[in-house]
Amino acid sequence: MPDVLRERHGVAVLVSDPDGPVLATTEAVLDLIGAAAFGGAEMVAVPVARLDPHFFSLGTGFAGEIMQKFVNYRLRLAVVGDISAHLAGSGALRALVAESNRHDHVWFVPDLAVLDARLAASA
């Protein structure tokens, strides 16, 4: 299944293909951001399976770098899927997720139904 751009509660969201390549480099993420921006997306929903495990190890700086790229290009990011195993091993990640979910630019949600509910609530 390719990446799909759809309006979800008034927001153009590019939902990344869960079977697509792992986003392991900044360049790969920039390619995704470029495709999203070219298509008119306001938000990109990235399945957890697409993110390199280093994303969840905050000491690598990869998550911060990726999140900052989305901010710089004025795109919102939703990380979609179960990250409970990552959260269990990192208080810093739990804090990052909690803080991100309080704002509108980066969300961590368990599934697309929760993303839709958050988008509907913020509309």
N, C-alpha and C. Protein backbone atom coordinates (compact mmCIF):
# COMPACT_ATOMS: atom_id res chain seq x y z
N MET A 1 0.85 -1.18 0.00
CA MET A 1 0.00 0.00 0.00
C MET A 1 0.90 1.25 0.00
N PRO A 2 0.70 2.13 -0.93
CA PRO A 2 1.52 3.35 -0.97
C PRO A 2 1.07 4.35 0.11
N ASP A 3 1.89 5.38 0.29
CA ASP A 3 1.48 6.48 1.17
C ASP A 3 0.18 7.05 0.60
N VAL A 4 -0.73 7.44 1.50
CA VAL A 4 -2.04 7.93 1.07
C VAL A 4 -2.30 9.29 1.71
N LEU A 5 -2.67 10.26 0.87
CA LEU A 5 -3.04 11.59 1.36
C LEU A 5 -4.55 11.67 1.43
N ARG A 6 -5.06 11.95 2.64
CA ARG A 6 -6.51 12.06 2.84
C ARG A 6 -6.80 13.19 3.80
N GLU A 7 -7.96 13.78 3.61
CA GLU A 7 -8.42 14.76 4.57
C GLU A 7 -9.04 14.02 5.75
N ARG A 8 -8.57 14.36 6.94
CA ARG A 8 -9.09 13.74 8.16
C ARG A 8 -9.49 14.87 9.08
N HIS A 9 -10.78 15.06 9.21
CA HIS A 9 -11.34 16.12 10.06
C HIS A 9 -10.77 17.49 9.70
N GLY A 10 -10.74 17.77 8.41
CA GLY A 10 -10.30 19.07 7.93
C GLY A 10 -8.80 19.25 7.81
N VAL A 11 -8.03 18.20 8.06
CA VAL A 11 -6.57 18.28 7.99
C VAL A 11 -6.08 17.31 6.91
N ALA A 12 -5.26 17.82 6.00
CA ALA A 12 -4.67 16.96 4.96
C ALA A 12 -3.54 16.16 5.60
N VAL A 13 -3.76 14.84 5.71
CA VAL A 13 -2.80 13.95 6.39
C VAL A 13 -2.24 12.94 5.40
N LEU A 14 -0.93 12.89 5.31
CA LEU A 14 -0.27 11.85 4.53
C LEU A 14 -0.03 10.68 5.49
N VAL A 15 -0.71 9.58 5.25
CA VAL A 15 -0.52 8.37 6.07
C VAL A 15 0.51 7.50 5.37
N SER A 16 1.65 7.33 6.01
CA SER A 16 2.75 6.57 5.42
C SER A 16 2.42 5.09 5.39
N ASP A 17 2.86 4.47 4.34
CA ASP A 17 2.70 3.03 4.16
C ASP A 17 3.43 2.28 5.27
N PRO A 18 2.73 1.47 6.05
CA PRO A 18 3.39 0.72 7.13
C PRO A 18 4.46 -0.23 6.62
N ASP A 19 4.38 -0.63 5.35
CA ASP A 19 5.35 -1.56 4.79
C ASP A 19 6.47 -0.87 4.01
N GLY A 20 6.50 0.45 4.09
CA GLY A 20 7.53 1.20 3.39
C GLY A 20 8.88 1.05 4.07
N PRO A 21 9.90 1.66 3.48
CA PRO A 21 11.24 1.53 4.05
C PRO A 21 11.36 2.21 5.41
N VAL A 22 12.23 1.66 6.23
CA VAL A 22 12.47 2.22 7.56
C VAL A 22 13.14 3.59 7.40
N LEU A 23 12.66 4.54 8.18
CA LEU A 23 13.23 5.88 8.17
C LEU A 23 14.41 5.89 9.14
N ALA A 24 15.59 5.63 8.61
CA ALA A 24 16.78 5.47 9.44
C ALA A 24 17.77 6.62 9.31
N THR A 25 17.50 7.53 8.36
CA THR A 25 18.40 8.65 8.15
C THR A 25 17.61 9.94 8.02
N THR A 26 18.28 11.03 8.26
CA THR A 26 17.65 12.34 8.08
C THR A 26 17.23 12.51 6.62
N GLU A 27 18.03 12.04 5.70
CA GLU A 27 17.71 12.17 4.29
C GLU A 27 16.42 11.44 3.94
N ALA A 28 16.22 10.25 4.49
CA ALA A 28 14.98 9.51 4.24
C ALA A 28 13.78 10.28 4.77
N VAL A 29 13.94 10.89 5.92
CA VAL A 29 12.84 11.68 6.50
C VAL A 29 12.59 12.92 5.65
N LEU A 30 13.64 13.56 5.18
CA LEU A 30 13.47 14.73 4.31
C LEU A 30 12.76 14.36 3.01
N ASP A 31 13.03 13.18 2.49
CA ASP A 31 12.30 12.72 1.30
C ASP A 31 10.81 12.59 1.59
N LEU A 32 10.48 12.04 2.75
CA LEU A 32 9.08 11.92 3.15
C LEU A 32 8.44 13.29 3.34
N ILE A 33 9.16 14.19 3.98
CA ILE A 33 8.66 15.55 4.18
C ILE A 33 8.43 16.23 2.83
N GLY A 34 9.37 16.06 1.90
CA GLY A 34 9.22 16.64 0.57
C GLY A 34 7.99 16.12 -0.15
N ALA A 35 7.78 14.81 -0.09
CA ALA A 35 6.61 14.21 -0.73
C ALA A 35 5.32 14.73 -0.08
N ALA A 36 5.34 14.86 1.24
CA ALA A 36 4.15 15.36 1.94
C ALA A 36 3.86 16.80 1.56
N ALA A 37 4.88 17.62 1.56
CA ALA A 37 4.70 19.04 1.24
C ALA A 37 4.26 19.21 -0.21
N PHE A 38 4.86 18.45 -1.12
CA PHE A 38 4.49 18.52 -2.53
C PHE A 38 3.03 18.14 -2.73
N GLY A 39 2.55 17.18 -1.95
CA GLY A 39 1.16 16.74 -2.07
C GLY A 39 0.17 17.62 -1.34
N GLY A 40 0.65 18.60 -0.58
CA GLY A 40 -0.25 19.50 0.14
C GLY A 40 -0.62 19.03 1.53
N ALA A 41 0.12 18.09 2.08
CA ALA A 41 -0.18 17.60 3.43
C ALA A 41 0.14 18.65 4.48
N GLU A 42 -0.63 18.61 5.55
CA GLU A 42 -0.37 19.45 6.72
C GLU A 42 0.21 18.61 7.86
N MET A 43 -0.01 17.31 7.78
CA MET A 43 0.44 16.38 8.81
C MET A 43 0.90 15.10 8.13
N VAL A 44 1.88 14.44 8.74
CA VAL A 44 2.32 13.14 8.28
C VAL A 44 2.14 12.15 9.43
N ALA A 45 1.43 11.05 9.14
CA ALA A 45 1.24 9.99 10.12
C ALA A 45 2.21 8.86 9.77
N VAL A 46 3.16 8.63 10.66
CA VAL A 46 4.21 7.64 10.42
C VAL A 46 4.00 6.45 11.35
N PRO A 47 3.79 5.26 10.81
CA PRO A 47 3.67 4.08 11.66
C PRO A 47 4.98 3.82 12.41
N VAL A 48 4.85 3.35 13.63
CA VAL A 48 6.02 3.06 14.47
C VAL A 48 6.98 2.13 13.74
N ALA A 49 6.46 1.17 13.00
CA ALA A 49 7.30 0.21 12.29
C ALA A 49 8.21 0.86 11.26
N ARG A 50 7.87 2.06 10.81
CA ARG A 50 8.69 2.77 9.82
C ARG A 50 9.86 3.51 10.45
N LEU A 51 9.83 3.68 11.76
CA LEU A 51 10.89 4.44 12.44
C LEU A 51 12.01 3.52 12.91
N ASP A 52 13.22 3.91 12.60
CA ASP A 52 14.38 3.19 13.08
C ASP A 52 14.34 3.15 14.61
N PRO A 53 14.71 2.04 15.23
CA PRO A 53 14.69 1.97 16.70
C PRO A 53 15.49 3.08 17.39
N HIS A 54 16.49 3.64 16.70
CA HIS A 54 17.26 4.74 17.30
C HIS A 54 16.38 5.96 17.59
N PHE A 55 15.26 6.08 16.89
CA PHE A 55 14.34 7.19 17.13
C PHE A 55 13.89 7.18 18.60
N PHE A 56 13.72 6.00 19.16
CA PHE A 56 13.19 5.88 20.51
C PHE A 56 14.29 5.87 21.58
N SER A 57 15.53 5.91 21.17
CA SER A 57 16.66 6.05 22.10
C SER A 57 17.09 7.50 22.07
N LEU A 58 16.59 8.29 22.99
CA LEU A 58 16.77 9.74 22.92
C LEU A 58 18.23 10.17 22.95
N GLY A 59 19.09 9.35 23.50
CA GLY A 59 20.50 9.69 23.56
C GLY A 59 21.14 9.81 22.18
N THR A 60 20.53 9.22 21.16
CA THR A 60 21.08 9.31 19.81
C THR A 60 20.82 10.67 19.17
N GLY A 61 19.82 11.38 19.66
CA GLY A 61 19.46 12.67 19.09
C GLY A 61 18.61 12.57 17.83
N PHE A 62 18.36 11.35 17.35
CA PHE A 62 17.63 11.17 16.10
C PHE A 62 16.19 11.69 16.21
N ALA A 63 15.51 11.38 17.29
CA ALA A 63 14.12 11.84 17.45
C ALA A 63 14.05 13.36 17.44
N GLY A 64 14.92 14.00 18.18
CA GLY A 64 14.93 15.46 18.22
C GLY A 64 15.21 16.06 16.86
N GLU A 65 16.15 15.47 16.14
CA GLU A 65 16.48 15.96 14.81
C GLU A 65 15.29 15.82 13.87
N ILE A 66 14.63 14.68 13.92
CA ILE A 66 13.49 14.42 13.04
C ILE A 66 12.33 15.34 13.40
N MET A 67 12.03 15.45 14.67
CA MET A 67 10.94 16.32 15.09
C MET A 67 11.21 17.76 14.68
N GLN A 68 12.46 18.21 14.79
CA GLN A 68 12.81 19.57 14.41
C GLN A 68 12.64 19.78 12.90
N LYS A 69 12.94 18.77 12.10
CA LYS A 69 12.74 18.88 10.64
C LYS A 69 11.28 19.13 10.33
N PHE A 70 10.39 18.41 11.00
CA PHE A 70 8.96 18.63 10.77
C PHE A 70 8.56 20.04 11.18
N VAL A 71 9.06 20.51 12.29
CA VAL A 71 8.77 21.89 12.73
C VAL A 71 9.28 22.88 11.69
N ASN A 72 10.52 22.71 11.25
CA ASN A 72 11.12 23.63 10.29
C ASN A 72 10.33 23.72 8.99
N TYR A 73 9.78 22.59 8.56
CA TYR A 73 9.02 22.57 7.31
C TYR A 73 7.52 22.78 7.53
N ARG A 74 7.17 23.14 8.73
CA ARG A 74 5.78 23.47 9.10
C ARG A 74 4.80 22.34 8.78
N LEU A 75 5.23 21.14 9.09
CA LEU A 75 4.40 19.95 8.97
C LEU A 75 4.23 19.35 10.36
N ARG A 76 3.04 18.88 10.64
CA ARG A 76 2.82 18.19 11.91
C ARG A 76 3.17 16.72 11.72
N LEU A 77 3.55 16.08 12.81
CA LEU A 77 3.95 14.68 12.80
C LEU A 77 3.11 13.90 13.80
N ALA A 78 2.58 12.77 13.34
CA ALA A 78 1.92 11.83 14.24
C ALA A 78 2.66 10.51 14.14
N VAL A 79 3.17 10.04 15.26
CA VAL A 79 3.79 8.72 15.33
C VAL A 79 2.68 7.78 15.76
N VAL A 80 2.36 6.81 14.90
CA VAL A 80 1.17 5.98 15.08
C VAL A 80 1.57 4.53 15.39
N GLY A 81 1.14 4.05 16.56
CA GLY A 81 1.39 2.66 16.90
C GLY A 81 1.76 2.49 18.36
N ASP A 82 1.96 1.26 18.72
CA ASP A 82 2.26 0.90 20.11
C ASP A 82 3.74 1.12 20.41
N ILE A 83 4.01 2.05 21.33
CA ILE A 83 5.40 2.30 21.73
C ILE A 83 5.61 1.94 23.19
N SER A 84 4.72 1.13 23.75
CA SER A 84 4.78 0.82 25.18
C SER A 84 6.11 0.17 25.58
N ALA A 85 6.67 -0.68 24.74
CA ALA A 85 7.95 -1.30 25.08
C ALA A 85 9.05 -0.26 25.17
N HIS A 86 9.03 0.72 24.28
CA HIS A 86 10.03 1.80 24.32
C HIS A 86 9.82 2.68 25.56
N LEU A 87 8.56 2.95 25.87
CA LEU A 87 8.25 3.79 27.03
C LEU A 87 8.66 3.12 28.34
N ALA A 88 8.52 1.81 28.41
CA ALA A 88 8.84 1.09 29.63
C ALA A 88 10.31 1.23 30.01
N GLY A 89 11.15 1.41 29.01
CA GLY A 89 12.58 1.47 29.27
C GLY A 89 13.17 2.86 29.36
N SER A 90 12.33 3.90 29.27
CA SER A 90 12.90 5.24 29.23
C SER A 90 11.98 6.29 29.83
N GLY A 91 12.37 6.80 30.97
CA GLY A 91 11.64 7.89 31.59
C GLY A 91 11.70 9.15 30.74
N ALA A 92 12.84 9.37 30.09
CA ALA A 92 12.99 10.55 29.23
C ALA A 92 12.04 10.48 28.04
N LEU A 93 11.88 9.29 27.47
CA LEU A 93 10.95 9.14 26.35
C LEU A 93 9.52 9.34 26.82
N ARG A 94 9.18 8.80 28.00
CA ARG A 94 7.83 9.02 28.54
C ARG A 94 7.56 10.51 28.70
N ALA A 95 8.55 11.27 29.18
CA ALA A 95 8.39 12.71 29.35
C ALA A 95 8.23 13.41 28.01
N LEU A 96 9.02 13.00 27.02
CA LEU A 96 8.93 13.60 25.69
C LEU A 96 7.54 13.36 25.09
N VAL A 97 7.06 12.14 25.18
CA VAL A 97 5.75 11.80 24.62
C VAL A 97 4.66 12.59 25.32
N ALA A 98 4.71 12.64 26.64
CA ALA A 98 3.70 13.38 27.39
C ALA A 98 3.70 14.86 27.01
N GLU A 99 4.87 15.45 26.92
CA GLU A 99 4.98 16.87 26.57
C GLU A 99 4.53 17.10 25.13
N SER A 100 4.94 16.24 24.21
CA SER A 100 4.54 16.39 22.81
C SER A 100 3.03 16.30 22.66
N ASN A 101 2.42 15.38 23.35
CA ASN A 101 0.97 15.19 23.24
C ASN A 101 0.16 16.33 23.85
N ARG A 102 0.80 17.19 24.64
CA ARG A 102 0.10 18.36 25.18
C ARG A 102 -0.03 19.48 24.14
N HIS A 103 0.74 19.38 23.08
CA HIS A 103 0.79 20.43 22.07
C HIS A 103 0.25 19.89 20.74
N ASP A 104 0.37 20.68 19.71
CA ASP A 104 -0.25 20.31 18.43
C ASP A 104 0.72 19.90 17.33
N HIS A 105 2.02 19.98 17.57
CA HIS A 105 2.92 19.75 16.46
C HIS A 105 3.36 18.28 16.29
N VAL A 106 3.61 17.59 17.38
CA VAL A 106 4.01 16.18 17.32
C VAL A 106 3.13 15.41 18.30
N TRP A 107 2.47 14.39 17.77
CA TRP A 107 1.63 13.54 18.61
C TRP A 107 2.11 12.10 18.50
N PHE A 108 1.97 11.39 19.60
CA PHE A 108 2.20 9.95 19.65
C PHE A 108 0.84 9.34 19.96
N VAL A 109 0.30 8.56 19.02
CA VAL A 109 -1.03 7.97 19.18
C VAL A 109 -0.96 6.48 18.91
N PRO A 110 -1.81 5.69 19.57
CA PRO A 110 -1.74 4.24 19.39
C PRO A 110 -2.27 3.75 18.04
N ASP A 111 -3.18 4.51 17.42
CA ASP A 111 -3.75 4.08 16.15
C ASP A 111 -4.40 5.27 15.44
N LEU A 112 -4.84 5.03 14.21
CA LEU A 112 -5.44 6.11 13.42
C LEU A 112 -6.77 6.57 13.99
N ALA A 113 -7.50 5.70 14.69
CA ALA A 113 -8.77 6.11 15.30
C ALA A 113 -8.53 7.18 16.37
N VAL A 114 -7.49 7.03 17.15
CA VAL A 114 -7.15 8.03 18.16
C VAL A 114 -6.68 9.32 17.48
N LEU A 115 -5.91 9.18 16.42
CA LEU A 115 -5.50 10.37 15.66
C LEU A 115 -6.73 11.11 15.17
N ASP A 116 -7.69 10.38 14.59
CA ASP A 116 -8.92 11.02 14.11
C ASP A 116 -9.67 11.72 15.24
N ALA A 117 -9.73 11.09 16.39
CA ALA A 117 -10.42 11.71 17.54
C ALA A 117 -9.72 12.99 17.98
N ARG A 118 -8.40 12.99 18.00
CA ARG A 118 -7.66 14.20 18.36
C ARG A 118 -7.85 15.30 17.33
N LEU A 119 -7.84 14.93 16.07
CA LEU A 119 -8.06 15.93 15.02
C LEU A 119 -9.46 16.50 15.11
N ALA A 120 -10.45 15.65 15.37
CA ALA A 120 -11.83 16.12 15.48
C ALA A 120 -11.97 17.07 16.68
N ALA A 121 -11.31 16.74 17.77
CA ALA A 121 -11.41 17.57 18.98
C ALA A 121 -10.74 18.92 18.79
N SER A 122 -9.71 18.97 17.94
CA SER A 122 -9.00 20.23 17.75
C SER A 122 -9.56 21.05 16.59
N ALA A 123 -10.54 20.51 15.89
CA ALA A 123 -11.13 21.22 14.73
C ALA A 123 -12.02 22.36 15.16
